[in-house]
Amino acid sequence: MKPASFQWTWPKKLNRLQVQQLFRLPFIKERGNVIFLGGVGLGKTHLATALGYEACLQGYSVLFTTTVEAINTLTAA
């Protein structure tokens, strides 16, 4: 998903400029992470998957996990 093809009318509180900046992938060069927080059905998984896909297209390796999976992994360790 490219930001140009994203439906920006929903959810209404989405910060378009911030999301567009994320698709430039500056957090990768900074060795940072992206965490989306919000209620059910707001598009968090969709955005995370799209960012991961864009990163793959640019040659990066990607790890996608949910909060529950991350907590379970940490607990098991």
PDB file of N, CA and C in Angstrom:
ATOM      1  N   MET A   1       0.843  -1.181   0.000  1.00  0.00           N
ATOM      2  CA  MET A   1       0.000   0.000   0.000  1.00  0.00           C
ATOM      3  C   MET A   1       0.878   1.231   0.000  1.00  0.00           C
ATOM      4  N   LYS A   2       0.706   2.069  -0.928  1.00  0.00           N
ATOM      5  CA  LYS A   2       1.373   3.361  -0.939  1.00  0.00           C
ATOM      6  C   LYS A   2       0.443   4.360  -0.274  1.00  0.00           C
ATOM      7  N   PRO A   3       0.992   5.348   0.434  1.00  0.00           N
ATOM      8  CA  PRO A   3       0.137   6.335   1.091  1.00  0.00           C
ATOM      9  C   PRO A   3      -0.839   7.014   0.133  1.00  0.00           C
ATOM     10  N   ALA A   4      -0.461   7.149  -1.131  1.00  0.00           N
ATOM     11  CA  ALA A   4      -1.337   7.809  -2.093  1.00  0.00           C
ATOM     12  C   ALA A   4      -2.624   7.028  -2.324  1.00  0.00           C
ATOM     13  N   SER A   5      -2.586   5.699  -2.124  1.00  0.00           N
ATOM     14  CA  SER A   5      -3.765   4.870  -2.369  1.00  0.00           C
ATOM     15  C   SER A   5      -4.557   4.592  -1.096  1.00  0.00           C
ATOM     16  N   PHE A   6      -4.129   5.124   0.015  1.00  0.00           N
ATOM     17  CA  PHE A   6      -4.798   4.889   1.285  1.00  0.00           C
ATOM     18  C   PHE A   6      -6.031   5.771   1.394  1.00  0.00           C
ATOM     19  N   GLN A   7      -7.089   5.233   1.994  1.00  0.00           N
ATOM     20  CA  GLN A   7      -8.309   6.017   2.199  1.00  0.00           C
ATOM     21  C   GLN A   7      -8.145   6.847   3.468  1.00  0.00           C
ATOM     22  N   TRP A   8      -7.909   8.134   3.307  1.00  0.00           N
ATOM     23  CA  TRP A   8      -7.577   9.015   4.422  1.00  0.00           C
ATOM     24  C   TRP A   8      -8.796   9.545   5.155  1.00  0.00           C
ATOM     25  N   THR A   9      -9.993   9.214   4.730  1.00  0.00           N
ATOM     26  CA  THR A   9     -11.200   9.748   5.364  1.00  0.00           C
ATOM     27  C   THR A   9     -11.602   8.979   6.613  1.00  0.00           C
ATOM     28  N   TRP A  10     -10.965   7.820   6.858  1.00  0.00           N
ATOM     29  CA  TRP A  10     -11.300   7.031   8.037  1.00  0.00           C
ATOM     30  C   TRP A  10     -10.082   6.288   8.503  1.00  0.00           C
ATOM     31  N   PRO A  11      -9.767   6.189   9.753  1.00  0.00           N
ATOM     32  CA  PRO A  11     -10.424   6.884  10.852  1.00  0.00           C
ATOM     33  C   PRO A  11     -10.146   8.377  10.823  1.00  0.00           C
ATOM     34  N   LYS A  12     -11.049   9.139  11.373  1.00  0.00           N
ATOM     35  CA  LYS A  12     -10.989  10.591  11.265  1.00  0.00           C
ATOM     36  C   LYS A  12      -9.821  11.215  12.025  1.00  0.00           C
ATOM     37  N   LYS A  13      -9.304  10.555  13.053  1.00  0.00           N
ATOM     38  CA  LYS A  13      -8.229  11.128  13.846  1.00  0.00           C
ATOM     39  C   LYS A  13      -6.838  10.721  13.349  1.00  0.00           C
ATOM     40  N   LEU A  14      -6.746  10.102  12.204  1.00  0.00           N
ATOM     41  CA  LEU A  14      -5.471   9.679  11.653  1.00  0.00           C
ATOM     42  C   LEU A  14      -4.663  10.898  11.223  1.00  0.00           C
ATOM     43  N   ASN A  15      -3.429  10.966  11.665  1.00  0.00           N
ATOM     44  CA  ASN A  15      -2.542  12.068  11.305  1.00  0.00           C
ATOM     45  C   ASN A  15      -1.879  11.722   9.974  1.00  0.00           C
ATOM     46  N   ARG A  16      -2.419  12.253   8.902  1.00  0.00           N
ATOM     47  CA  ARG A  16      -1.968  11.900   7.554  1.00  0.00           C
ATOM     48  C   ARG A  16      -0.491  12.202   7.343  1.00  0.00           C
ATOM     49  N   LEU A  17      -0.033  13.360   7.754  1.00  0.00           N
ATOM     50  CA  LEU A  17       1.370  13.719   7.557  1.00  0.00           C
ATOM     51  C   LEU A  17       2.295  12.771   8.316  1.00  0.00           C
ATOM     52  N   GLN A  18       1.892  12.400   9.506  1.00  0.00           N
ATOM     53  CA  GLN A  18       2.706  11.491  10.312  1.00  0.00           C
ATOM     54  C   GLN A  18       2.788  10.112   9.651  1.00  0.00           C
ATOM     55  N   VAL A  19       1.681   9.624   9.147  1.00  0.00           N
ATOM     56  CA  VAL A  19       1.662   8.320   8.481  1.00  0.00           C
ATOM     57  C   VAL A  19       2.484   8.374   7.198  1.00  0.00           C
ATOM     58  N   GLN A  20       2.342   9.439   6.434  1.00  0.00           N
ATOM     59  CA  GLN A  20       3.129   9.570   5.210  1.00  0.00           C
ATOM     60  C   GLN A  20       4.625   9.591   5.526  1.00  0.00           C
ATOM     61  N   GLN A  21       4.989  10.222   6.626  1.00  0.00           N
ATOM     62  CA  GLN A  21       6.395  10.239   7.039  1.00  0.00           C
ATOM     63  C   GLN A  21       6.869   8.832   7.391  1.00  0.00           C
ATOM     64  N   LEU A  22       6.016   8.044   8.034  1.00  0.00           N
ATOM     65  CA  LEU A  22       6.390   6.668   8.369  1.00  0.00           C
ATOM     66  C   LEU A  22       6.740   5.861   7.126  1.00  0.00           C
ATOM     67  N   PHE A  23       6.036   6.102   6.015  1.00  0.00           N
ATOM     68  CA  PHE A  23       6.289   5.356   4.787  1.00  0.00           C
ATOM     69  C   PHE A  23       7.606   5.730   4.126  1.00  0.00           C
ATOM     70  N   ARG A  24       8.264   6.761   4.627  1.00  0.00           N
ATOM     71  CA  ARG A  24       9.622   7.076   4.184  1.00  0.00           C
ATOM     72  C   ARG A  24      10.634   6.228   4.954  1.00  0.00           C
ATOM     73  N   LEU A  25      10.146   5.515   5.962  1.00  0.00           N
ATOM     74  CA  LEU A  25      10.891   4.547   6.767  1.00  0.00           C
ATOM     75  C   LEU A  25      12.079   5.128   7.532  1.00  0.00           C
ATOM     76  N   PRO A  26      11.942   6.342   8.081  1.00  0.00           N
ATOM     77  CA  PRO A  26      13.081   6.913   8.815  1.00  0.00           C
ATOM     78  C   PRO A  26      13.413   6.136  10.095  1.00  0.00           C
ATOM     79  N   PHE A  27      12.432   5.473  10.672  1.00  0.00           N
ATOM     80  CA  PHE A  27      12.641   4.727  11.911  1.00  0.00           C
ATOM     81  C   PHE A  27      13.598   3.553  11.719  1.00  0.00           C
ATOM     82  N   ILE A  28      13.700   3.052  10.500  1.00  0.00           N
ATOM     83  CA  ILE A  28      14.619   1.936  10.236  1.00  0.00           C
ATOM     84  C   ILE A  28      16.063   2.424  10.349  1.00  0.00           C
ATOM     85  N   LYS A  29      16.352   3.534   9.701  1.00  0.00           N
ATOM     86  CA  LYS A  29      17.714   4.082   9.759  1.00  0.00           C
ATOM     87  C   LYS A  29      18.080   4.496  11.182  1.00  0.00           C
ATOM     88  N   GLU A  30      17.076   4.892  11.962  1.00  0.00           N
ATOM     89  CA  GLU A  30      17.297   5.306  13.351  1.00  0.00           C
ATOM     90  C   GLU A  30      17.285   4.115  14.315  1.00  0.00           C
ATOM     91  N   ARG A  31      17.079   2.912  13.758  1.00  0.00           N
ATOM     92  CA  ARG A  31      16.972   1.681  14.550  1.00  0.00           C
ATOM     93  C   ARG A  31      15.858   1.791  15.588  1.00  0.00           C
ATOM     94  N   GLY A  32      14.755   2.357  15.151  1.00  0.00           N
ATOM     95  CA  GLY A  32      13.596   2.533  16.020  1.00  0.00           C
ATOM     96  C   GLY A  32      12.511   1.533  15.711  1.00  0.00           C
ATOM     97  N   ASN A  33      11.406   1.680  16.389  1.00  0.00           N
ATOM     98  CA  ASN A  33      10.245   0.817  16.204  1.00  0.00           C
ATOM     99  C   ASN A  33       9.014   1.685  15.976  1.00  0.00           C
ATOM    100  N   VAL A  34       7.993   1.072  15.433  1.00  0.00           N
ATOM    101  CA  VAL A  34       6.704   1.737  15.266  1.00  0.00           C
ATOM    102  C   VAL A  34       5.676   0.915  16.027  1.00  0.00           C
ATOM    103  N   ILE A  35       4.905   1.588  16.855  1.00  0.00           N
ATOM    104  CA  ILE A  35       3.838   0.925  17.609  1.00  0.00           C
ATOM    105  C   ILE A  35       2.553   1.698  17.355  1.00  0.00           C
ATOM    106  N   PHE A  36       1.519   1.001  16.916  1.00  0.00           N
ATOM    107  CA  PHE A  36       0.212   1.608  16.717  1.00  0.00           C
ATOM    108  C   PHE A  36      -0.674   1.232  17.898  1.00  0.00           C
ATOM    109  N   LEU A  37      -1.265   2.224  18.527  1.00  0.00           N
ATOM    110  CA  LEU A  37      -2.171   2.003  19.647  1.00  0.00           C
ATOM    111  C   LEU A  37      -3.555   2.519  19.296  1.00  0.00           C
ATOM    112  N   GLY A  38      -4.583   1.821  19.733  1.00  0.00           N
ATOM    113  CA  GLY A  38      -5.939   2.284  19.488  1.00  0.00           C
ATOM    114  C   GLY A  38      -6.921   1.150  19.641  1.00  0.00           C
ATOM    115  N   GLY A  39      -8.167   1.491  19.509  1.00  0.00           N
ATOM    116  CA  GLY A  39      -9.238   0.515  19.655  1.00  0.00           C
ATOM    117  C   GLY A  39      -9.309  -0.465  18.499  1.00  0.00           C
ATOM    118  N   VAL A  40     -10.217  -1.394  18.634  1.00  0.00           N
ATOM    119  CA  VAL A  40     -10.437  -2.425  17.626  1.00  0.00           C
ATOM    120  C   VAL A  40     -11.013  -1.807  16.355  1.00  0.00           C
ATOM    121  N   GLY A  41     -10.536  -2.257  15.203  1.00  0.00           N
ATOM    122  CA  GLY A  41     -11.118  -1.866  13.929  1.00  0.00           C
ATOM    123  C   GLY A  41     -10.691  -0.516  13.398  1.00  0.00           C
ATOM    124  N   LEU A  42      -9.579   0.012  13.873  1.00  0.00           N
ATOM    125  CA  LEU A  42      -9.130   1.330  13.416  1.00  0.00           C
ATOM    126  C   LEU A  42      -8.115   1.274  12.286  1.00  0.00           C
ATOM    127  N   GLY A  43      -7.635   0.083  11.958  1.00  0.00           N
ATOM    128  CA  GLY A  43      -6.692  -0.054  10.851  1.00  0.00           C
ATOM    129  C   GLY A  43      -5.245  -0.194  11.273  1.00  0.00           C
ATOM    130  N   LYS A  44      -4.992  -0.496  12.542  1.00  0.00           N
ATOM    131  CA  LYS A  44      -3.617  -0.635  13.023  1.00  0.00           C
ATOM    132  C   LYS A  44      -2.881  -1.757  12.301  1.00  0.00           C
ATOM    133  N   THR A  45      -3.502  -2.905  12.205  1.00  0.00           N
ATOM    134  CA  THR A  45      -2.871  -4.042  11.532  1.00  0.00           C
ATOM    135  C   THR A  45      -2.656  -3.744  10.064  1.00  0.00           C
ATOM    136  N   HIS A  46      -3.613  -3.099   9.441  1.00  0.00           N
ATOM    137  CA  HIS A  46      -3.489  -2.734   8.028  1.00  0.00           C
ATOM    138  C   HIS A  46      -2.285  -1.826   7.807  1.00  0.00           C
ATOM    139  N   LEU A  47      -2.144  -0.814   8.635  1.00  0.00           N
ATOM    140  CA  LEU A  47      -1.010   0.111   8.498  1.00  0.00           C
ATOM    141  C   LEU A  47       0.316  -0.592   8.787  1.00  0.00           C
ATOM    142  N   ALA A  48       0.351  -1.423   9.821  1.00  0.00           N
ATOM    143  CA  ALA A  48       1.586  -2.129  10.161  1.00  0.00           C
ATOM    144  C   ALA A  48       2.005  -3.077   9.039  1.00  0.00           C
ATOM    145  N   THR A  49       1.041  -3.779   8.479  1.00  0.00           N
ATOM    146  CA  THR A  49       1.332  -4.684   7.370  1.00  0.00           C
ATOM    147  C   THR A  49       1.826  -3.913   6.155  1.00  0.00           C
ATOM    148  N   ALA A  50       1.198  -2.795   5.873  1.00  0.00           N
ATOM    149  CA  ALA A  50       1.600  -1.973   4.728  1.00  0.00           C
ATOM    150  C   ALA A  50       3.012  -1.413   4.916  1.00  0.00           C
ATOM    151  N   LEU A  51       3.343  -0.987   6.132  1.00  0.00           N
ATOM    152  CA  LEU A  51       4.698  -0.505   6.395  1.00  0.00           C
ATOM    153  C   LEU A  51       5.716  -1.633   6.230  1.00  0.00           C
ATOM    154  N   GLY A  52       5.371  -2.803   6.734  1.00  0.00           N
ATOM    155  CA  GLY A  52       6.255  -3.948   6.577  1.00  0.00           C
ATOM    156  C   GLY A  52       6.457  -4.308   5.118  1.00  0.00           C
ATOM    157  N   TYR A  53       5.400  -4.263   4.364  1.00  0.00           N
ATOM    158  CA  TYR A  53       5.481  -4.557   2.927  1.00  0.00           C
ATOM    159  C   TYR A  53       6.378  -3.549   2.216  1.00  0.00           C
ATOM    160  N   GLU A  54       6.191  -2.281   2.536  1.00  0.00           N
ATOM    161  CA  GLU A  54       7.021  -1.232   1.931  1.00  0.00           C
ATOM    162  C   GLU A  54       8.486  -1.440   2.296  1.00  0.00           C
ATOM    163  N   ALA A  55       8.754  -1.798   3.541  1.00  0.00           N
ATOM    164  CA  ALA A  55      10.128  -2.051   3.962  1.00  0.00           C
ATOM    165  C   ALA A  55      10.721  -3.236   3.193  1.00  0.00           C
ATOM    166  N   CYS A  56       9.928  -4.291   2.998  1.00  0.00           N
ATOM    167  CA  CYS A  56      10.399  -5.440   2.213  1.00  0.00           C
ATOM    168  C   CYS A  56      10.722  -5.034   0.786  1.00  0.00           C
ATOM    169  N   LEU A  57       9.861  -4.206   0.205  1.00  0.00           N
ATOM    170  CA  LEU A  57      10.111  -3.732  -1.160  1.00  0.00           C
ATOM    171  C   LEU A  57      11.420  -2.963  -1.261  1.00  0.00           C
ATOM    172  N   GLN A  58      11.827  -2.342  -0.152  1.00  0.00           N
ATOM    173  CA  GLN A  58      13.071  -1.579  -0.140  1.00  0.00           C
ATOM    174  C   GLN A  58      14.261  -2.414   0.340  1.00  0.00           C
ATOM    175  N   GLY A  59      14.052  -3.734   0.503  1.00  0.00           N
ATOM    176  CA  GLY A  59      15.146  -4.634   0.812  1.00  0.00           C
ATOM    177  C   GLY A  59      15.399  -4.913   2.281  1.00  0.00           C
ATOM    178  N   TYR A  60      14.514  -4.476   3.154  1.00  0.00           N
ATOM    179  CA  TYR A  60      14.685  -4.721   4.588  1.00  0.00           C
ATOM    180  C   TYR A  60      13.990  -6.008   4.999  1.00  0.00           C
ATOM    181  N   SER A  61      14.479  -6.619   6.086  1.00  0.00           N
ATOM    182  CA  SER A  61      13.787  -7.743   6.719  1.00  0.00           C
ATOM    183  C   SER A  61      12.806  -7.169   7.725  1.00  0.00           C
ATOM    184  N   VAL A  62      11.700  -7.858   7.924  1.00  0.00           N
ATOM    185  CA  VAL A  62      10.616  -7.329   8.752  1.00  0.00           C
ATOM    186  C   VAL A  62      10.160  -8.372   9.757  1.00  0.00           C
ATOM    187  N   LEU A  63       9.863  -7.912  10.973  1.00  0.00           N
ATOM    188  CA  LEU A  63       9.210  -8.750  11.976  1.00  0.00           C
ATOM    189  C   LEU A  63       7.912  -8.068  12.359  1.00  0.00           C
ATOM    190  N   PHE A  64       6.807  -8.774  12.193  1.00  0.00           N
ATOM    191  CA  PHE A  64       5.501  -8.261  12.589  1.00  0.00           C
ATOM    192  C   PHE A  64       5.001  -9.119  13.729  1.00  0.00           C
ATOM    193  N   THR A  65       4.549  -8.485  14.790  1.00  0.00           N
ATOM    194  CA  THR A  65       3.991  -9.227  15.918  1.00  0.00           C
ATOM    195  C   THR A  65       2.883  -8.408  16.558  1.00  0.00           C
ATOM    196  N   THR A  66       2.041  -9.081  17.277  1.00  0.00           N
ATOM    197  CA  THR A  66       1.003  -8.393  18.042  1.00  0.00           C
ATOM    198  C   THR A  66       1.509  -8.207  19.465  1.00  0.00           C
ATOM    199  N   THR A  67       0.848  -7.375  20.218  1.00  0.00           N
ATOM    200  CA  THR A  67       1.223  -7.163  21.611  1.00  0.00           C
ATOM    201  C   THR A  67       1.132  -8.466  22.392  1.00  0.00           C
ATOM    202  N   VAL A  68       0.074  -9.218  22.167  1.00  0.00           N
ATOM    203  CA  VAL A  68      -0.108 -10.490  22.881  1.00  0.00           C
ATOM    204  C   VAL A  68       1.031 -11.451  22.553  1.00  0.00           C
ATOM    205  N   GLU A  69       1.402 -11.542  21.280  1.00  0.00           N
ATOM    206  CA  GLU A  69       2.502 -12.429  20.900  1.00  0.00           C
ATOM    207  C   GLU A  69       3.815 -11.971  21.535  1.00  0.00           C
ATOM    208  N   ALA A  70       4.073 -10.688  21.554  1.00  0.00           N
ATOM    209  CA  ALA A  70       5.302 -10.167  22.153  1.00  0.00           C
ATOM    210  C   ALA A  70       5.345 -10.455  23.653  1.00  0.00           C
ATOM    211  N   ILE A  71       4.248 -10.251  24.340  1.00  0.00           N
ATOM    212  CA  ILE A  71       4.193 -10.523  25.779  1.00  0.00           C
ATOM    213  C   ILE A  71       4.375 -12.016  26.048  1.00  0.00           C
ATOM    214  N   ASN A  72       3.728 -12.855  25.277  1.00  0.00           N
ATOM    215  CA  ASN A  72       3.882 -14.302  25.447  1.00  0.00           C
ATOM    216  C   ASN A  72       5.324 -14.744  25.219  1.00  0.00           C
ATOM    217  N   THR A  73       5.969 -14.182  24.217  1.00  0.00           N
ATOM    218  CA  THR A  73       7.372 -14.519  23.942  1.00  0.00           C
ATOM    219  C   THR A  73       8.264 -14.086  25.084  1.00  0.00           C
ATOM    220  N   LEU A  74       8.045 -12.877  25.578  1.00  0.00           N
ATOM    221  CA  LEU A  74       8.845 -12.380  26.708  1.00  0.00           C
ATOM    222  C   LEU A  74       8.598 -13.196  27.967  1.00  0.00           C
ATOM    223  N   THR A  75       7.361 -13.559  28.205  1.00  0.00           N
ATOM    224  CA  THR A  75       7.010 -14.352  29.386  1.00  0.00           C
ATOM    225  C   THR A  75       7.681 -15.723  29.321  1.00  0.00           C
ATOM    226  N   ALA A  76       7.672 -16.345  28.155  1.00  0.00           N
ATOM    227  CA  ALA A  76       8.268 -17.656  27.984  1.00  0.00           C
ATOM    228  C   ALA A  76       9.789 -17.614  28.158  1.00  0.00           C
ATOM    229  N   ALA A  77      10.391 -16.470  27.836  1.00  0.00           N
ATOM    230  CA  ALA A  77      11.859 -16.345  27.962  1.00  0.00           C
ATOM    231  C   ALA A  77      12.211 -16.177  29.422  1.00  0.00           C
TER     232      ALA A  77
END
